């Protein structure tokens, strides 16, 4: 991130929304995916940190505490990725603006652009990784959470699921422009695995909370 720009995590909420609504190239969809994931994880942490569990059993409280401890660092990762995605896209734009008159310039520009595109793909892949881990934790939270927090858990799951799916779309768009076949094959395989695992865990967690009350005082 340029030195004269503060992290998006330091923006007031309305200023952050205005940044997304502006016609500036960043922040964009990739950053929004990370933000959605961070918000969803925050809801899971909140639900897991309530003073009551599903039945009040000590083992439920222990499982929720462990889940919350694993989820908090994932939220921090996703917050960092909000800015990382914008930084990566800035690098892509900078590479596209490089001169391309002479053959040497064309080769240098192509190399810079390919490198920047890979970096811009690695970020949403990290969003997917964090989201998939969070949804694994969501299953534990759903099993043990205080029943009146069911709607909060479900909302968190939906936000994280949306984050993962949105990040996958960013990856798909970038891979079409990357010429490194081994890289695209590796990323495509991991992207598909993460998408499948995330969908499975999200569906399982939602099924667990579906019979619980849908509101929290």
C-alpha atoms as a PDB file:
ATOM      1  CA  UNK A   1       0.000   0.000   0.000  1.00  0.00           C
ATOM      2  CA  UNK A   2       1.349   3.479  -0.794  1.00  0.00           C
ATOM      3  CA  UNK A   3       2.676   5.312   2.247  1.00  0.00           C
ATOM      4  CA  UNK A   4       0.128   8.114   1.893  1.00  0.00           C
ATOM      5  CA  UNK A   5      -2.834   5.737   2.166  1.00  0.00           C
ATOM      6  CA  UNK A   6      -4.037   4.414   5.488  1.00  0.00           C
ATOM      7  CA  UNK A   7      -5.288   0.833   5.809  1.00  0.00           C
ATOM      8  CA  UNK A   8      -8.962   0.291   5.088  1.00  0.00           C
ATOM      9  CA  UNK A   9      -9.289  -1.204   8.570  1.00  0.00           C
ATOM     10  CA  UNK A  10      -8.707   2.310   9.933  1.00  0.00           C
ATOM     11  CA  UNK A  11     -11.523   3.870   7.883  1.00  0.00           C
ATOM     12  CA  UNK A  12     -14.752   4.960   9.522  1.00  0.00           C
ATOM     13  CA  UNK A  13     -17.557   2.709   8.313  1.00  0.00           C
ATOM     14  CA  UNK A  14     -19.234   5.326   6.143  1.00  0.00           C
ATOM     15  CA  UNK A  15     -15.877   6.296   4.618  1.00  0.00           C
ATOM     16  CA  UNK A  16     -15.161   2.673   3.803  1.00  0.00           C
ATOM     17  CA  UNK A  17     -18.546   2.292   2.140  1.00  0.00           C
ATOM     18  CA  UNK A  18     -17.906   5.464   0.175  1.00  0.00           C
ATOM     19  CA  UNK A  19     -14.559   4.046  -0.945  1.00  0.00           C
ATOM     20  CA  UNK A  20     -16.289   0.960  -2.334  1.00  0.00           C
ATOM     21  CA  UNK A  21     -18.957   3.107  -3.960  1.00  0.00           C
ATOM     22  CA  UNK A  22     -16.462   5.413  -5.677  1.00  0.00           C
ATOM     23  CA  UNK A  23     -15.351   4.999  -9.283  1.00  0.00           C
ATOM     24  CA  UNK A  24     -11.748   4.451  -8.172  1.00  0.00           C
ATOM     25  CA  UNK A  25     -10.280   1.099  -9.248  1.00  0.00           C
ATOM     26  CA  UNK A  26      -9.706   0.071  -5.614  1.00  0.00           C
ATOM     27  CA  UNK A  27     -11.087  -1.194  -3.334  1.00  0.00           C
ATOM     28  CA  UNK A  28     -12.953  -3.682  -5.479  1.00  0.00           C
ATOM     29  CA  UNK A  29     -14.563  -7.081  -5.379  1.00  0.00           C
ATOM     30  CA  UNK A  30     -11.575  -8.930  -3.981  1.00  0.00           C
ATOM     31  CA  UNK A  31     -11.284  -6.565  -1.036  1.00  0.00           C
ATOM     32  CA  UNK A  32     -15.024  -6.761  -0.489  1.00  0.00           C
ATOM     33  CA  UNK A  33     -14.796 -10.559  -0.388  1.00  0.00           C
ATOM     34  CA  UNK A  34     -12.198 -10.364   2.369  1.00  0.00           C
ATOM     35  CA  UNK A  35     -14.304  -7.824   4.260  1.00  0.00           C
ATOM     36  CA  UNK A  36     -17.380 -10.061   4.074  1.00  0.00           C
ATOM     37  CA  UNK A  37     -15.343 -12.945   5.399  1.00  0.00           C
ATOM     38  CA  UNK A  38     -13.974 -10.888   8.283  1.00  0.00           C
ATOM     39  CA  UNK A  39     -17.479  -9.757   9.213  1.00  0.00           C
ATOM     40  CA  UNK A  40     -18.778 -13.314   9.104  1.00  0.00           C
ATOM     41  CA  UNK A  41     -15.955 -14.595  11.281  1.00  0.00           C
ATOM     42  CA  UNK A  42     -16.638 -11.788  13.749  1.00  0.00           C
ATOM     43  CA  UNK A  43     -20.210 -13.032  14.143  1.00  0.00           C
ATOM     44  CA  UNK A  44     -18.984 -16.558  14.794  1.00  0.00           C
ATOM     45  CA  UNK A  45     -16.547 -15.301  17.435  1.00  0.00           C
ATOM     46  CA  UNK A  46     -19.325 -13.324  19.100  1.00  0.00           C
ATOM     47  CA  UNK A  47     -21.621 -16.349  19.215  1.00  0.00           C
ATOM     48  CA  UNK A  48     -18.864 -18.618  20.474  1.00  0.00           C
ATOM     49  CA  UNK A  49     -18.002 -16.123  23.239  1.00  0.00           C
ATOM     50  CA  UNK A  50     -21.481 -15.910  24.761  1.00  0.00           C
ATOM     51  CA  UNK A  51     -21.643 -16.909  28.444  1.00  0.00           C
ATOM     52  CA  UNK A  52     -24.080 -19.734  27.678  1.00  0.00           C
ATOM     53  CA  UNK A  53     -23.762 -22.741  25.383  1.00  0.00           C
ATOM     54  CA  UNK A  54     -26.389 -25.014  23.844  1.00  0.00           C
ATOM     55  CA  UNK A  55     -27.073 -27.082  26.976  1.00  0.00           C
ATOM     56  CA  UNK A  56     -24.624 -25.549  29.440  1.00  0.00           C
ATOM     57  CA  UNK A  57     -22.350 -28.590  29.416  1.00  0.00           C
ATOM     58  CA  UNK A  58     -18.696 -27.853  30.258  1.00  0.00           C
ATOM     59  CA  UNK A  59     -17.452 -29.621  27.140  1.00  0.00           C
ATOM     60  CA  UNK A  60     -19.577 -27.305  24.980  1.00  0.00           C
ATOM     61  CA  UNK A  61     -17.991 -24.256  26.573  1.00  0.00           C
ATOM     62  CA  UNK A  62     -14.552 -25.745  26.011  1.00  0.00           C
ATOM     63  CA  UNK A  63     -15.273 -26.454  22.337  1.00  0.00           C
ATOM     64  CA  UNK A  64     -16.624 -22.945  21.820  1.00  0.00           C
ATOM     65  CA  UNK A  65     -13.615 -21.372  23.502  1.00  0.00           C
ATOM     66  CA  UNK A  66     -11.261 -23.373  21.305  1.00  0.00           C
ATOM     67  CA  UNK A  67     -13.230 -22.458  18.181  1.00  0.00           C
ATOM     68  CA  UNK A  68     -13.161 -18.766  19.079  1.00  0.00           C
ATOM     69  CA  UNK A  69      -9.408 -18.926  19.665  1.00  0.00           C
ATOM     70  CA  UNK A  70      -8.904 -20.378  16.185  1.00  0.00           C
ATOM     71  CA  UNK A  71     -11.322 -17.997  14.505  1.00  0.00           C
ATOM     72  CA  UNK A  72      -9.875 -14.728  15.822  1.00  0.00           C
ATOM     73  CA  UNK A  73      -6.570 -15.039  13.907  1.00  0.00           C
ATOM     74  CA  UNK A  74      -8.516 -15.864  10.736  1.00  0.00           C
ATOM     75  CA  UNK A  75     -10.414 -12.612  11.068  1.00  0.00           C
ATOM     76  CA  UNK A  76      -7.094 -10.765  11.394  1.00  0.00           C
ATOM     77  CA  UNK A  77      -5.833 -12.471   8.251  1.00  0.00           C
ATOM     78  CA  UNK A  78      -8.946 -11.485   6.323  1.00  0.00           C
ATOM     79  CA  UNK A  79      -8.654  -7.875   7.482  1.00  0.00           C
ATOM     80  CA  UNK A  80      -5.083  -7.775   6.160  1.00  0.00           C
ATOM     81  CA  UNK A  81      -6.269  -9.236   2.861  1.00  0.00           C
ATOM     82  CA  UNK A  82      -8.694  -6.334   2.362  1.00  0.00           C
ATOM     83  CA  UNK A  83      -5.692  -4.085   1.780  1.00  0.00           C
ATOM     84  CA  UNK A  84      -3.538  -6.780   0.186  1.00  0.00           C
ATOM     85  CA  UNK A  85      -6.052  -7.240  -2.606  1.00  0.00           C
ATOM     86  CA  UNK A  86      -6.056  -3.539  -3.405  1.00  0.00           C
ATOM     87  CA  UNK A  87      -2.258  -3.411  -3.295  1.00  0.00           C
ATOM     88  CA  UNK A  88      -2.071  -6.362  -5.666  1.00  0.00           C
ATOM     89  CA  UNK A  89      -4.444  -4.737  -8.137  1.00  0.00           C
ATOM     90  CA  UNK A  90      -2.471  -1.491  -8.003  1.00  0.00           C
ATOM     91  CA  UNK A  91       0.596  -3.513  -9.019  1.00  0.00           C
ATOM     92  CA  UNK A  92      -1.311  -4.978 -11.958  1.00  0.00           C
ATOM     93  CA  UNK A  93      -2.338  -1.519 -13.112  1.00  0.00           C
ATOM     94  CA  UNK A  94       1.225  -0.249 -12.750  1.00  0.00           C
ATOM     95  CA  UNK A  95       2.527  -3.128 -14.856  1.00  0.00           C
ATOM     96  CA  UNK A  96      -0.045  -2.434 -17.559  1.00  0.00           C
ATOM     97  CA  UNK A  97       1.189   1.153 -17.800  1.00  0.00           C
ATOM     98  CA  UNK A  98       4.804   0.159 -18.468  1.00  0.00           C
ATOM     99  CA  UNK A  99       6.179   1.150 -21.877  1.00  0.00           C
ATOM    100  CA  UNK A 100       5.858  -1.410 -24.664  1.00  0.00           C
ATOM    101  CA  UNK A 101       7.450   0.184 -27.697  1.00  0.00           C
ATOM    102  CA  UNK A 102      10.753  -1.682 -28.019  1.00  0.00           C
ATOM    103  CA  UNK A 103      10.987  -5.457 -27.847  1.00  0.00           C
ATOM    104  CA  UNK A 104      12.915  -5.279 -24.587  1.00  0.00           C
ATOM    105  CA  UNK A 105      10.216  -3.071 -23.094  1.00  0.00           C
ATOM    106  CA  UNK A 106       7.525  -5.468 -24.213  1.00  0.00           C
ATOM    107  CA  UNK A 107       9.319  -8.404 -22.617  1.00  0.00           C
ATOM    108  CA  UNK A 108       9.858  -6.503 -19.372  1.00  0.00           C
ATOM    109  CA  UNK A 109       6.239  -5.393 -19.285  1.00  0.00           C
ATOM    110  CA  UNK A 110       4.983  -8.917 -19.925  1.00  0.00           C
ATOM    111  CA  UNK A 111       7.127 -10.336 -17.132  1.00  0.00           C
ATOM    112  CA  UNK A 112       6.015  -7.642 -14.698  1.00  0.00           C
ATOM    113  CA  UNK A 113       2.374  -8.111 -15.614  1.00  0.00           C
ATOM    114  CA  UNK A 114       2.504 -11.878 -15.250  1.00  0.00           C
ATOM    115  CA  UNK A 115       4.152 -11.561 -11.848  1.00  0.00           C
ATOM    116  CA  UNK A 116       1.575  -9.008 -10.725  1.00  0.00           C
ATOM    117  CA  UNK A 117      -1.301 -11.184 -11.931  1.00  0.00           C
ATOM    118  CA  UNK A 118       0.002 -14.106  -9.901  1.00  0.00           C
ATOM    119  CA  UNK A 119       0.218 -11.928  -6.805  1.00  0.00           C
ATOM    120  CA  UNK A 120      -3.310 -10.697  -7.481  1.00  0.00           C
ATOM    121  CA  UNK A 121      -4.429 -14.327  -7.664  1.00  0.00           C
ATOM    122  CA  UNK A 122      -2.605 -15.424  -4.536  1.00  0.00           C
ATOM    123  CA  UNK A 123      -4.557 -12.926  -2.433  1.00  0.00           C
ATOM    124  CA  UNK A 124      -8.066 -14.257  -3.160  1.00  0.00           C
ATOM    125  CA  UNK A 125      -6.658 -17.752  -2.797  1.00  0.00           C
ATOM    126  CA  UNK A 126      -5.634 -16.752   0.726  1.00  0.00           C
ATOM    127  CA  UNK A 127      -9.157 -15.420   1.260  1.00  0.00           C
ATOM    128  CA  UNK A 128     -10.511 -18.824   0.257  1.00  0.00           C
ATOM    129  CA  UNK A 129      -8.081 -20.598   2.582  1.00  0.00           C
ATOM    130  CA  UNK A 130      -9.069 -18.458   5.540  1.00  0.00           C
ATOM    131  CA  UNK A 131     -12.749 -18.810   4.712  1.00  0.00           C
ATOM    132  CA  UNK A 132     -12.541 -22.572   4.442  1.00  0.00           C
ATOM    133  CA  UNK A 133     -10.854 -22.805   7.845  1.00  0.00           C
ATOM    134  CA  UNK A 134     -13.469 -20.483   9.316  1.00  0.00           C
ATOM    135  CA  UNK A 135     -16.297 -22.628   7.984  1.00  0.00           C
ATOM    136  CA  UNK A 136     -14.705 -25.684   9.573  1.00  0.00           C
ATOM    137  CA  UNK A 137     -14.852 -23.774  12.826  1.00  0.00           C
ATOM    138  CA  UNK A 138     -18.439 -22.779  12.088  1.00  0.00           C
ATOM    139  CA  UNK A 139     -19.484 -26.424  12.326  1.00  0.00           C
ATOM    140  CA  UNK A 140     -18.117 -26.583  15.866  1.00  0.00           C
ATOM    141  CA  UNK A 141     -19.791 -23.311  16.809  1.00  0.00           C
ATOM    142  CA  UNK A 142     -23.108 -24.460  15.348  1.00  0.00           C
ATOM    143  CA  UNK A 143     -23.027 -27.670  17.361  1.00  0.00           C
ATOM    144  CA  UNK A 144     -22.416 -25.987  20.691  1.00  0.00           C
ATOM    145  CA  UNK A 145     -23.703 -22.421  20.490  1.00  0.00           C
ATOM    146  CA  UNK A 146     -26.449 -20.970  22.673  1.00  0.00           C
ATOM    147  CA  UNK A 147     -29.646 -21.516  20.689  1.00  0.00           C
ATOM    148  CA  UNK A 148     -30.808 -17.898  20.604  1.00  0.00           C
ATOM    149  CA  UNK A 149     -27.632 -17.016  18.629  1.00  0.00           C
ATOM    150  CA  UNK A 150     -28.600 -19.337  15.775  1.00  0.00           C
ATOM    151  CA  UNK A 151     -29.438 -16.503  13.373  1.00  0.00           C
ATOM    152  CA  UNK A 152     -26.102 -14.819  14.079  1.00  0.00           C
ATOM    153  CA  UNK A 153     -24.239 -18.026  13.344  1.00  0.00           C
ATOM    154  CA  UNK A 154     -26.248 -18.582  10.172  1.00  0.00           C
ATOM    155  CA  UNK A 155     -25.535 -15.035   9.014  1.00  0.00           C
ATOM    156  CA  UNK A 156     -21.843 -15.488   9.705  1.00  0.00           C
ATOM    157  CA  UNK A 157     -21.810 -18.714   7.721  1.00  0.00           C
ATOM    158  CA  UNK A 158     -23.566 -17.066   4.774  1.00  0.00           C
ATOM    159  CA  UNK A 159     -21.140 -14.133   4.793  1.00  0.00           C
ATOM    160  CA  UNK A 160     -18.096 -16.399   4.868  1.00  0.00           C
ATOM    161  CA  UNK A 161     -19.562 -18.612   2.165  1.00  0.00           C
ATOM    162  CA  UNK A 162     -20.139 -15.563   0.004  1.00  0.00           C
ATOM    163  CA  UNK A 163     -16.568 -14.469   0.691  1.00  0.00           C
ATOM    164  CA  UNK A 164     -15.202 -17.794  -0.504  1.00  0.00           C
ATOM    165  CA  UNK A 165     -17.342 -17.865  -3.633  1.00  0.00           C
ATOM    166  CA  UNK A 166     -16.487 -14.259  -4.486  1.00  0.00           C
ATOM    167  CA  UNK A 167     -12.772 -14.891  -4.047  1.00  0.00           C
ATOM    168  CA  UNK A 168     -13.095 -17.864  -6.395  1.00  0.00           C
ATOM    169  CA  UNK A 169     -14.560 -15.557  -9.034  1.00  0.00           C
ATOM    170  CA  UNK A 170     -11.543 -13.252  -8.712  1.00  0.00           C
ATOM    171  CA  UNK A 171      -9.221 -16.208  -9.164  1.00  0.00           C
ATOM    172  CA  UNK A 172     -11.088 -17.412 -12.230  1.00  0.00           C
ATOM    173  CA  UNK A 173     -10.836 -14.001 -13.852  1.00  0.00           C
ATOM    174  CA  UNK A 174      -7.107 -13.735 -13.261  1.00  0.00           C
ATOM    175  CA  UNK A 175      -6.220 -17.249 -14.377  1.00  0.00           C
ATOM    176  CA  UNK A 176      -7.434 -16.570 -17.891  1.00  0.00           C
ATOM    177  CA  UNK A 177      -4.626 -14.024 -18.312  1.00  0.00           C
ATOM    178  CA  UNK A 178      -1.808 -16.021 -16.680  1.00  0.00           C
ATOM    179  CA  UNK A 179       0.414 -17.941 -19.083  1.00  0.00           C
ATOM    180  CA  UNK A 180       2.171 -20.208 -16.580  1.00  0.00           C
ATOM    181  CA  UNK A 181       0.420 -23.532 -17.073  1.00  0.00           C
ATOM    182  CA  UNK A 182       1.822 -25.225 -13.980  1.00  0.00           C
ATOM    183  CA  UNK A 183       0.767 -22.284 -11.815  1.00  0.00           C
ATOM    184  CA  UNK A 184      -2.756 -22.153 -13.216  1.00  0.00           C
ATOM    185  CA  UNK A 185      -3.178 -25.913 -12.838  1.00  0.00           C
ATOM    186  CA  UNK A 186      -2.049 -25.836  -9.207  1.00  0.00           C
ATOM    187  CA  UNK A 187      -4.197 -22.856  -8.300  1.00  0.00           C
ATOM    188  CA  UNK A 188      -7.241 -24.231 -10.123  1.00  0.00           C
ATOM    189  CA  UNK A 189      -6.977 -27.518  -8.253  1.00  0.00           C
ATOM    190  CA  UNK A 190      -6.684 -25.833  -4.866  1.00  0.00           C
ATOM    191  CA  UNK A 191      -9.442 -23.375  -5.722  1.00  0.00           C
ATOM    192  CA  UNK A 192     -11.805 -26.245  -6.541  1.00  0.00           C
ATOM    193  CA  UNK A 193     -10.853 -28.145  -3.382  1.00  0.00           C
ATOM    194  CA  UNK A 194     -11.377 -25.109  -1.172  1.00  0.00           C
ATOM    195  CA  UNK A 195     -14.687 -24.311  -2.838  1.00  0.00           C
ATOM    196  CA  UNK A 196     -15.949 -27.851  -2.351  1.00  0.00           C
ATOM    197  CA  UNK A 197     -14.804 -28.147   1.260  1.00  0.00           C
ATOM    198  CA  UNK A 198     -16.265 -24.737   2.096  1.00  0.00           C
ATOM    199  CA  UNK A 199     -19.641 -25.554   0.555  1.00  0.00           C
ATOM    200  CA  UNK A 200     -19.768 -28.842   2.453  1.00  0.00           C
ATOM    201  CA  UNK A 201     -18.935 -27.298   5.824  1.00  0.00           C
ATOM    202  CA  UNK A 202     -21.282 -24.352   5.288  1.00  0.00           C
ATOM    203  CA  UNK A 203     -24.165 -26.673   4.448  1.00  0.00           C
ATOM    204  CA  UNK A 204     -23.451 -28.861   7.470  1.00  0.00           C
ATOM    205  CA  UNK A 205     -23.245 -25.915   9.850  1.00  0.00           C
ATOM    206  CA  UNK A 206     -26.429 -24.362   8.494  1.00  0.00           C
ATOM    207  CA  UNK A 207     -28.255 -27.659   8.838  1.00  0.00           C
ATOM    208  CA  UNK A 208     -27.218 -27.874  12.480  1.00  0.00           C
ATOM    209  CA  UNK A 209     -28.559 -24.427  13.361  1.00  0.00           C
ATOM    210  CA  UNK A 210     -31.656 -24.603  11.134  1.00  0.00           C
ATOM    211  CA  UNK A 211     -33.900 -25.937  13.879  1.00  0.00           C
ATOM    212  CA  UNK A 212     -32.913 -23.310  16.433  1.00  0.00           C
ATOM    213  CA  UNK A 213     -34.651 -20.010  17.192  1.00  0.00           C
ATOM    214  CA  UNK A 214     -33.754 -17.319  14.689  1.00  0.00           C
ATOM    215  CA  UNK A 215     -33.321 -14.304  16.901  1.00  0.00           C
ATOM    216  CA  UNK A 216     -31.090 -13.083  19.708  1.00  0.00           C
ATOM    217  CA  UNK A 217     -32.249 -10.620  22.366  1.00  0.00           C
END
